[in-house]
Structure formats: C-alpha cells, structure tokens
PDB file of N, CA and C in Angstrom:
ATOM      1  N   MET A   1       0.877  -1.046  -0.096  1.00  0.00           N
ATOM      2  CA  MET A   1       0.007  -0.068  -0.084  1.00  0.00           C
ATOM      3  C   MET A   1       0.996   1.136  -0.096  1.00  0.00           C
ATOM      4  N   LYS A   2       0.224   2.295  -0.743  1.00  0.00           N
ATOM      5  CA  LYS A   2       1.034   3.325  -0.580  1.00  0.00           C
ATOM      6  C   LYS A   2       0.485   4.605   0.081  1.00  0.00           C
ATOM      7  N   THR A   3       1.740   5.092   1.030  1.00  0.00           N
ATOM      8  CA  THR A   3       1.180   5.791   2.053  1.00  0.00           C
ATOM      9  C   THR A   3       1.092   7.559   1.335  1.00  0.00           C
ATOM     10  N   ILE A   4      -0.287   8.034   1.995  1.00  0.00           N
ATOM     11  CA  ILE A   4      -0.485   9.521   1.486  1.00  0.00           C
ATOM     12  C   ILE A   4       0.053  10.368   2.247  1.00  0.00           C
ATOM     13  N   GLY A   5       0.570  11.339   1.755  1.00  0.00           N
ATOM     14  CA  GLY A   5       1.560  12.601   2.579  1.00  0.00           C
ATOM     15  C   GLY A   5       0.639  13.711   2.291  1.00  0.00           C
ATOM     16  N   ALA A   6       1.040  14.477   3.285  1.00  0.00           N
ATOM     17  CA  ALA A   6       0.282  16.359   2.871  1.00  0.00           C
ATOM     18  C   ALA A   6       1.285  16.790   1.974  1.00  0.00           C
ATOM     19  N   LEU A   7       0.968  17.599   0.811  1.00  0.00           N
ATOM     20  CA  LEU A   7       1.570  18.502  -0.061  1.00  0.00           C
ATOM     21  C   LEU A   7       1.901  19.546   0.394  1.00  0.00           C
ATOM     22  N   HIS A   8       1.248  19.990   1.401  1.00  0.00           N
ATOM     23  CA  HIS A   8       1.531  21.241   1.521  1.00  0.00           C
ATOM     24  C   HIS A   8       1.862  21.800   2.984  1.00  0.00           C
ATOM     25  N   SER A   9       2.242  22.474   3.271  1.00  0.00           N
ATOM     26  CA  SER A   9       2.356  22.768   4.498  1.00  0.00           C
ATOM     27  C   SER A   9       0.615  23.503   5.670  1.00  0.00           C
ATOM     28  N   LEU A  10       0.389  22.721   6.799  1.00  0.00           N
ATOM     29  CA  LEU A  10      -0.698  23.133   7.224  1.00  0.00           C
ATOM     30  C   LEU A  10      -0.751  24.533   7.562  1.00  0.00           C
ATOM     31  N   VAL A  11      -1.945  24.839   7.225  1.00  0.00           N
ATOM     32  CA  VAL A  11      -2.168  26.787   7.462  1.00  0.00           C
ATOM     33  C   VAL A  11      -2.812  26.585   8.977  1.00  0.00           C
ATOM     34  N   THR A  12      -2.132  27.666   9.567  1.00  0.00           N
ATOM     35  CA  THR A  12      -2.684  27.453  11.161  1.00  0.00           C
ATOM     36  C   THR A  12      -2.877  29.054  11.680  1.00  0.00           C
ATOM     37  N   ALA A  13      -3.177  28.794  12.564  1.00  0.00           N
ATOM     38  CA  ALA A  13      -3.719  30.619  12.774  1.00  0.00           C
ATOM     39  C   ALA A  13      -2.721  31.330  12.928  1.00  0.00           C
ATOM     40  N   GLU A  14      -1.256  30.874  13.510  1.00  0.00           N
ATOM     41  CA  GLU A  14      -0.387  31.912  13.475  1.00  0.00           C
ATOM     42  C   GLU A  14       0.312  32.494  12.417  1.00  0.00           C
ATOM     43  N   SER A  15       0.150  31.610  10.932  1.00  0.00           N
ATOM     44  CA  SER A  15       0.281  31.950   9.711  1.00  0.00           C
ATOM     45  C   SER A  15      -0.413  32.899   9.203  1.00  0.00           C
ATOM     46  N   LEU A  16      -1.630  33.433   9.571  1.00  0.00           N
ATOM     47  CA  LEU A  16      -2.810  33.988   9.114  1.00  0.00           C
ATOM     48  C   LEU A  16      -2.932  35.199  10.007  1.00  0.00           C
ATOM     49  N   ASP A  17      -2.314  35.367  10.935  1.00  0.00           N
ATOM     50  CA  ASP A  17      -2.222  36.611  12.108  1.00  0.00           C
ATOM     51  C   ASP A  17      -1.471  37.443  11.526  1.00  0.00           C
ATOM     52  N   PHE A  18      -1.827  38.600  10.362  1.00  0.00           N
ATOM     53  CA  PHE A  18      -0.952  39.746   9.895  1.00  0.00           C
ATOM     54  C   PHE A  18      -1.877  40.775  10.060  1.00  0.00           C
ATOM     55  N   GLU A  19      -1.468  41.963  10.424  1.00  0.00           N
ATOM     56  CA  GLU A  19      -2.370  43.238  10.078  1.00  0.00           C
ATOM     57  C   GLU A  19      -2.234  43.518   8.728  1.00  0.00           C
ATOM     58  N   PRO A  20      -3.013  44.110   8.087  1.00  0.00           N
ATOM     59  CA  PRO A  20      -3.383  44.660   6.753  1.00  0.00           C
ATOM     60  C   PRO A  20      -2.106  45.722   6.539  1.00  0.00           C
ATOM     61  N   THR A  21      -1.452  46.155   5.647  1.00  0.00           N
ATOM     62  CA  THR A  21      -0.325  47.009   5.701  1.00  0.00           C
ATOM     63  C   THR A  21      -0.561  48.155   5.133  1.00  0.00           C
ATOM     64  N   PRO A  22      -0.220  48.946   5.334  1.00  0.00           N
ATOM     65  CA  PRO A  22      -0.610  50.351   5.208  1.00  0.00           C
ATOM     66  C   PRO A  22      -1.099  51.020   3.630  1.00  0.00           C
ATOM     67  N   ALA A  23      -0.492  50.046   2.977  1.00  0.00           N
ATOM     68  CA  ALA A  23      -1.110  50.179   1.456  1.00  0.00           C
ATOM     69  C   ALA A  23      -2.356  49.432   1.182  1.00  0.00           C
ATOM     70  N   GLU A  24      -2.826  48.312   1.922  1.00  0.00           N
ATOM     71  CA  GLU A  24      -3.613  47.651   2.169  1.00  0.00           C
ATOM     72  C   GLU A  24      -4.577  48.837   2.611  1.00  0.00           C
ATOM     73  N   LEU A  25      -4.359  49.493   3.458  1.00  0.00           N
ATOM     74  CA  LEU A  25      -5.338  50.084   4.084  1.00  0.00           C
ATOM     75  C   LEU A  25      -5.749  51.318   3.417  1.00  0.00           C
ATOM     76  N   ASP A  26      -4.798  51.675   2.627  1.00  0.00           N
ATOM     77  CA  ASP A  26      -4.954  53.207   1.834  1.00  0.00           C
ATOM     78  C   ASP A  26      -5.845  52.742   0.699  1.00  0.00           C
ATOM     79  N   ALA A  27      -5.660  51.515   0.218  1.00  0.00           N
ATOM     80  CA  ALA A  27      -6.515  50.749  -1.036  1.00  0.00           C
ATOM     81  C   ALA A  27      -8.430  50.749  -0.473  1.00  0.00           C
ATOM     82  N   ILE A  28      -8.351  50.282   0.684  1.00  0.00           N
ATOM     83  CA  ILE A  28      -9.470  50.450   1.414  1.00  0.00           C
ATOM     84  C   ILE A  28     -10.489  51.600   1.796  1.00  0.00           C
ATOM     85  N   ASP A  29      -9.468  52.342   1.957  1.00  0.00           N
ATOM     86  CA  ASP A  29      -9.936  54.081   2.226  1.00  0.00           C
ATOM     87  C   ASP A  29     -10.465  54.607   0.710  1.00  0.00           C
ATOM     88  N   ARG A  30      -9.452  54.034  -0.473  1.00  0.00           N
ATOM     89  CA  ARG A  30      -9.831  54.655  -1.364  1.00  0.00           C
ATOM     90  C   ARG A  30     -11.342  53.948  -1.837  1.00  0.00           C
ATOM     91  N   GLU A  31     -11.481  52.832  -1.891  1.00  0.00           N
ATOM     92  CA  GLU A  31     -13.030  51.846  -1.966  1.00  0.00           C
ATOM     93  C   GLU A  31     -13.945  52.339  -1.524  1.00  0.00           C
ATOM     94  N   MET A  32     -13.778  52.845  -0.416  1.00  0.00           N
ATOM     95  CA  MET A  32     -14.928  53.085   0.779  1.00  0.00           C
ATOM     96  C   MET A  32     -16.404  53.780   0.141  1.00  0.00           C
ATOM     97  N   PRO A  33     -16.228  54.623  -0.785  1.00  0.00           N
ATOM     98  CA  PRO A  33     -17.362  55.003  -1.141  1.00  0.00           C
ATOM     99  C   PRO A  33     -18.108  54.570  -2.435  1.00  0.00           C
ATOM    100  N   LEU A  34     -17.185  53.185  -2.939  1.00  0.00           N
ATOM    101  CA  LEU A  34     -17.976  52.227  -3.569  1.00  0.00           C
ATOM    102  C   LEU A  34     -18.768  51.605  -2.841  1.00  0.00           C
ATOM    103  N   ILE A  35     -17.589  51.106  -1.722  1.00  0.00           N
ATOM    104  CA  ILE A  35     -18.514  49.634  -0.699  1.00  0.00           C
ATOM    105  C   ILE A  35     -19.773  50.310  -0.206  1.00  0.00           C
ATOM    106  N   ARG A  36     -19.730  51.902   0.449  1.00  0.00           N
ATOM    107  CA  ARG A  36     -20.855  52.026   1.081  1.00  0.00           C
ATOM    108  C   ARG A  36     -22.262  52.197   0.105  1.00  0.00           C
ATOM    109  N   ALA A  37     -21.694  52.402  -1.374  1.00  0.00           N
ATOM    110  CA  ALA A  37     -22.594  52.775  -2.010  1.00  0.00           C
ATOM    111  C   ALA A  37     -23.277  51.451  -2.438  1.00  0.00           C
ATOM    112  N   GLU A  38     -22.518  50.427  -2.465  1.00  0.00           N
ATOM    113  CA  GLU A  38     -23.124  49.125  -3.011  1.00  0.00           C
ATOM    114  C   GLU A  38     -23.597  48.480  -1.493  1.00  0.00           C
ATOM    115  N   MET A  39     -23.502  48.712  -0.298  1.00  0.00           N
ATOM    116  CA  MET A  39     -24.111  48.401   0.825  1.00  0.00           C
ATOM    117  C   MET A  39     -25.890  49.264   0.512  1.00  0.00           C
ATOM    118  N   ASP A  40     -25.455  50.465   0.226  1.00  0.00           N
ATOM    119  CA  ASP A  40     -27.027  50.942   0.237  1.00  0.00           C
ATOM    120  C   ASP A  40     -27.801  50.438  -1.118  1.00  0.00           C
ATOM    121  N   LEU A  41     -27.197  49.792  -2.295  1.00  0.00           N
ATOM    122  CA  LEU A  41     -28.397  48.964  -3.210  1.00  0.00           C
ATOM    123  C   LEU A  41     -28.311  48.234  -2.519  1.00  0.00           C
ATOM    124  N   LEU A  42     -27.656  47.302  -1.873  1.00  0.00           N
ATOM    125  CA  LEU A  42     -28.049  45.886  -1.289  1.00  0.00           C
ATOM    126  C   LEU A  42     -29.458  46.762  -0.091  1.00  0.00           C
ATOM    127  N   ASP A  43     -29.301  47.142   0.527  1.00  0.00           N
ATOM    128  CA  ASP A  43     -30.345  47.639   1.752  1.00  0.00           C
ATOM    129  C   ASP A  43     -31.488  47.886   0.977  1.00  0.00           C
ATOM    130  N   ALA A  44     -31.466  48.750  -0.428  1.00  0.00           N
ATOM    131  CA  ALA A  44     -32.549  49.407  -1.267  1.00  0.00           C
ATOM    132  C   ALA A  44     -33.449  48.272  -1.777  1.00  0.00           C
ATOM    133  N   GLU A  45     -32.370  47.198  -2.273  1.00  0.00           N
ATOM    134  CA  GLU A  45     -32.910  45.432  -2.894  1.00  0.00           C
ATOM    135  C   GLU A  45     -33.303  44.723  -1.429  1.00  0.00           C
ATOM    136  N   ILE A  46     -33.006  44.529  -0.475  1.00  0.00           N
ATOM    137  CA  ILE A  46     -33.382  43.732   0.711  1.00  0.00           C
ATOM    138  C   ILE A  46     -34.978  44.339   0.992  1.00  0.00           C
ATOM    139  N   VAL A  47     -35.168  45.700   0.827  1.00  0.00           N
ATOM    140  CA  VAL A  47     -36.387  45.954   1.183  1.00  0.00           C
ATOM    141  C   VAL A  47     -37.631  45.442   0.527  1.00  0.00           C
ATOM    142  N   THR A  48     -37.302  45.347  -0.930  1.00  0.00           N
ATOM    143  CA  THR A  48     -38.303  44.787  -1.903  1.00  0.00           C
ATOM    144  C   THR A  48     -38.006  43.284  -2.011  1.00  0.00           C
ATOM    145  N   ILE A  49     -37.599  42.694  -1.145  1.00  0.00           N
ATOM    146  CA  ILE A  49     -37.811  41.154  -1.526  1.00  0.00           C
ATOM    147  C   ILE A  49     -39.237  40.608  -1.032  1.00  0.00           C
ATOM    148  N   ASP A  50     -39.665  41.159   0.139  1.00  0.00           N
ATOM    149  CA  ASP A  50     -40.993  40.450   0.929  1.00  0.00           C
ATOM    150  C   ASP A  50     -42.368  40.866   0.455  1.00  0.00           C
ATOM    151  N   ARG A  51     -42.022  42.476  -0.268  1.00  0.00           N
ATOM    152  CA  ARG A  51     -43.182  43.046  -1.114  1.00  0.00           C
ATOM    153  C   ARG A  51     -43.146  42.907  -2.325  1.00  0.00           C
ATOM    154  N   PRO A  52     -44.326  43.775  -2.750  1.00  0.00           N
ATOM    155  CA  PRO A  52     -44.560  44.277  -4.001  1.00  0.00           C
ATOM    156  C   PRO A  52     -43.999  45.639  -4.026  1.00  0.00           C
ATOM    157  N   VAL A  53     -43.083  45.883  -5.186  1.00  0.00           N
ATOM    158  CA  VAL A  53     -42.026  46.993  -5.317  1.00  0.00           C
ATOM    159  C   VAL A  53     -43.418  48.014  -5.725  1.00  0.00           C
ATOM    160  N   ASN A  54     -43.180  49.352  -4.853  1.00  0.00           N
ATOM    161  CA  ASN A  54     -44.189  50.429  -5.299  1.00  0.00           C
ATOM    162  C   ASN A  54     -42.958  51.411  -5.991  1.00  0.00           C
ATOM    163  N   GLU A  55     -43.624  52.488  -5.889  1.00  0.00           N
ATOM    164  CA  GLU A  55     -42.694  53.510  -6.948  1.00  0.00           C
ATOM    165  C   GLU A  55     -41.419  54.314  -6.034  1.00  0.00           C
ATOM    166  N   LEU A  56     -41.892  54.199  -4.962  1.00  0.00           N
ATOM    167  CA  LEU A  56     -40.765  54.670  -4.192  1.00  0.00           C
ATOM    168  C   LEU A  56     -39.583  53.455  -3.870  1.00  0.00           C
ATOM    169  N   ASP A  57     -40.072  52.397  -3.509  1.00  0.00           N
ATOM    170  CA  ASP A  57     -39.185  51.651  -3.946  1.00  0.00           C
ATOM    171  C   ASP A  57     -38.165  51.324  -5.132  1.00  0.00           C
ATOM    172  N   ALA A  58     -39.163  51.249  -6.045  1.00  0.00           N
ATOM    173  CA  ALA A  58     -38.288  51.566  -7.516  1.00  0.00           C
ATOM    174  C   ALA A  58     -37.286  52.664  -7.545  1.00  0.00           C
ATOM    175  N   ARG A  59     -37.853  53.770  -7.169  1.00  0.00           N
ATOM    176  CA  ARG A  59     -36.995  54.967  -7.267  1.00  0.00           C
ATOM    177  C   ARG A  59     -35.370  54.749  -6.079  1.00  0.00           C
ATOM    178  N   ARG A  60     -35.576  53.960  -4.992  1.00  0.00           N
ATOM    179  CA  ARG A  60     -34.762  54.248  -4.488  1.00  0.00           C
ATOM    180  C   ARG A  60     -33.673  53.110  -4.784  1.00  0.00           C
ATOM    181  N   VAL A  61     -34.099  52.102  -5.233  1.00  0.00           N
ATOM    182  CA  VAL A  61     -33.121  51.456  -6.434  1.00  0.00           C
ATOM    183  C   VAL A  61     -32.263  51.620  -7.179  1.00  0.00           C
ATOM    184  N   ARG A  62     -33.076  52.694  -7.913  1.00  0.00           N
ATOM    185  CA  ARG A  62     -32.569  53.688  -9.174  1.00  0.00           C
ATOM    186  C   ARG A  62     -31.440  53.874  -8.781  1.00  0.00           C
ATOM    187  N   ARG A  63     -31.646  54.977  -7.708  1.00  0.00           N
ATOM    188  CA  ARG A  63     -30.705  56.193  -7.501  1.00  0.00           C
ATOM    189  C   ARG A  63     -29.487  55.289  -6.548  1.00  0.00           C
ATOM    190  N   ALA A  64     -29.728  54.140  -6.209  1.00  0.00           N
ATOM    191  CA  ALA A  64     -28.650  53.349  -5.563  1.00  0.00           C
ATOM    192  C   ALA A  64     -27.877  53.079  -6.647  1.00  0.00           C
ATOM    193  N   ARG A  65     -28.608  52.388  -7.769  1.00  0.00           N
ATOM    194  CA  ARG A  65     -27.745  51.651  -8.610  1.00  0.00           C
ATOM    195  C   ARG A  65     -27.016  52.851  -9.460  1.00  0.00           C
ATOM    196  N   ARG A  66     -27.590  54.067  -9.282  1.00  0.00           N
ATOM    197  CA  ARG A  66     -26.967  55.510 -10.370  1.00  0.00           C
ATOM    198  C   ARG A  66     -25.501  55.674  -9.358  1.00  0.00           C
ATOM    199  N   ARG A  67     -25.805  56.047  -7.979  1.00  0.00           N
ATOM    200  CA  ARG A  67     -24.615  55.954  -6.948  1.00  0.00           C
ATOM    201  C   ARG A  67     -23.581  55.022  -7.063  1.00  0.00           C
ATOM    202  N   VAL A  68     -23.948  53.527  -7.375  1.00  0.00           N
ATOM    203  CA  VAL A  68     -22.765  52.458  -7.410  1.00  0.00           C
ATOM    204  C   VAL A  68     -21.945  53.180  -8.556  1.00  0.00           C
ATOM    205  N   LEU A  69     -22.898  53.139  -9.825  1.00  0.00           N
ATOM    206  CA  LEU A  69     -22.090  53.548 -11.219  1.00  0.00           C
ATOM    207  C   LEU A  69     -21.267  54.267 -10.902  1.00  0.00           C
ATOM    208  N   ALA A  70     -21.638  55.768 -10.426  1.00  0.00           N
ATOM    209  CA  ALA A  70     -20.770  56.832 -10.235  1.00  0.00           C
ATOM    210  C   ALA A  70     -19.763  56.854  -9.511  1.00  0.00           C
ATOM    211  N   ALA A  71     -19.614  55.686  -8.161  1.00  0.00           N
ATOM    212  CA  ALA A  71     -18.507  55.593  -7.530  1.00  0.00           C
ATOM    213  C   ALA A  71     -17.682  54.700  -8.156  1.00  0.00           C
ATOM    214  N   ARG A  72     -18.207  53.920  -9.031  1.00  0.00           N
ATOM    215  CA  ARG A  72     -17.168  52.635 -10.094  1.00  0.00           C
ATOM    216  C   ARG A  72     -16.422  54.030 -11.005  1.00  0.00           C
ATOM    217  N   ARG A  73     -17.244  54.943 -11.438  1.00  0.00           N
ATOM    218  CA  ARG A  73     -16.447  55.424 -12.392  1.00  0.00           C
ATOM    219  C   ARG A  73     -15.577  56.455 -11.927  1.00  0.00           C
ATOM    220  N   ASP A  74     -15.707  57.157 -10.531  1.00  0.00           N
ATOM    221  CA  ASP A  74     -14.884  57.816  -9.856  1.00  0.00           C
ATOM    222  C   ASP A  74     -13.955  57.462  -9.284  1.00  0.00           C
ATOM    223  N   LEU A  75     -13.846  55.827  -8.986  1.00  0.00           N
ATOM    224  CA  LEU A  75     -12.719  55.142  -8.669  1.00  0.00           C
ATOM    225  C   LEU A  75     -11.537  54.562  -9.580  1.00  0.00           C
ATOM    226  N   THR A  76     -12.502  54.393 -10.630  1.00  0.00           N
ATOM    227  CA  THR A  76     -11.838  53.972 -12.011  1.00  0.00           C
ATOM    228  C   THR A  76     -10.960  55.474 -12.567  1.00  0.00           C
ATOM    229  N   ASN A  77     -11.581  56.593 -12.457  1.00  0.00           N
ATOM    230  CA  ASN A  77     -10.902  57.480 -12.952  1.00  0.00           C
ATOM    231  C   ASN A  77      -9.462  58.181 -11.648  1.00  0.00           C
ATOM    232  N   ARG A  78      -9.802  58.089 -10.578  1.00  0.00           N
ATOM    233  CA  ARG A  78      -8.724  57.908  -9.895  1.00  0.00           C
ATOM    234  C   ARG A  78      -7.215  56.969  -9.903  1.00  0.00           C
ATOM    235  N   THR A  79      -8.133  55.865  -9.914  1.00  0.00           N
ATOM    236  CA  THR A  79      -7.078  55.075  -9.802  1.00  0.00           C
ATOM    237  C   THR A  79      -6.177  54.969 -11.545  1.00  0.00           C
ATOM    238  N   GLY A  80      -7.185  55.012 -12.444  1.00  0.00           N
ATOM    239  CA  GLY A  80      -6.701  54.863 -13.713  1.00  0.00           C
ATOM    240  C   GLY A  80      -6.719  53.189 -14.242  1.00  0.00           C
ATOM    241  N   THR A  81      -7.435  52.483 -13.447  1.00  0.00           N
ATOM    242  CA  THR A  81      -7.675  51.028 -13.645  1.00  0.00           C
ATOM    243  C   THR A  81      -8.960  50.389 -13.931  1.00  0.00           C
ATOM    244  N   VAL A  82      -9.519  49.453 -14.722  1.00  0.00           N
ATOM    245  CA  VAL A  82     -10.794  49.325 -14.579  1.00  0.00           C
ATOM    246  C   VAL A  82     -11.376  48.126 -13.600  1.00  0.00           C
ATOM    247  N   GLN A  83     -12.340  48.414 -12.956  1.00  0.00           N
ATOM    248  CA  GLN A  83     -12.656  47.875 -12.070  1.00  0.00           C
ATOM    249  C   GLN A  83     -13.652  46.433 -12.717  1.00  0.00           C
ATOM    250  N   SER A  84     -13.353  45.224 -11.810  1.00  0.00           N
ATOM    251  CA  SER A  84     -14.299  43.957 -12.515  1.00  0.00           C
ATOM    252  C   SER A  84     -15.910  44.177 -11.812  1.00  0.00           C
ATOM    253  N   GLY A  85     -16.720  43.665 -12.525  1.00  0.00           N
ATOM    254  CA  GLY A  85     -17.996  43.394 -12.452  1.00  0.00           C
ATOM    255  C   GLY A  85     -19.005  44.389 -12.805  1.00  0.00           C
ATOM    256  N   GLY A  86     -18.110  45.460 -13.681  1.00  0.00           N
ATOM    257  CA  GLY A  86     -19.100  46.443 -14.166  1.00  0.00           C
ATOM    258  C   GLY A  86     -19.940  46.766 -15.082  1.00  0.00           C
ATOM    259  N   ALA A  87     -20.365  47.116 -15.661  1.00  0.00           N
ATOM    260  CA  ALA A  87     -21.308  46.990 -17.165  1.00  0.00           C
ATOM    261  C   ALA A  87     -19.919  47.509 -17.898  1.00  0.00           C
ATOM    262  N   ALA A  88     -20.244  46.738 -19.541  1.00  0.00           N
ATOM    263  CA  ALA A  88     -19.113  47.032 -20.407  1.00  0.00           C
ATOM    264  C   ALA A  88     -19.275  48.647 -20.833  1.00  0.00           C
TER     265      ALA A  88
END
C-alpha cells in the first residue's frame, strides 16, 4: 500500500495572524465610497424582497444603482484602472 502524505504545509492561525499593510488600508479607504454605495444598493434591494415593489422602492433602487455606477466611475478615474464586475 502507498502512503499518502501532505503536499502542503498546514495552515495555522499563526500563519494568518497578520495586520493589513498601510498600502492595503489606503486601498480600502479609496474604495470606501464604492463599498458604501454597494451597501446602500443591497439595503434597497433587501427592502423589496418580501413585498411588491411600489414606485418609491423602485426609485430608491434606481438611485442606489446610479450611486454605485458613479462611485465605480470615480474610483476608476482616480486609479486609472478598470474595475471588474461592472457593465461594459
């Protein structure tokens, strides 16, 4: 019989116990307007899950989608890179 051994070292809590670097924290700060806009959109969509959508709810979702698109545009223009997950 052939013995099966681990090919990779074990992942322990010690190997994952790192703080974010200043560059990572700066990236999070730059993306925060987009994160907030996406959270607002999610909140607006959650409100419409268990009830029929009325005009106010539809407006709230449309506004939230526009804020997400504007935040993506602003972030892309600031960083000069293309964000994944957006419309073409």
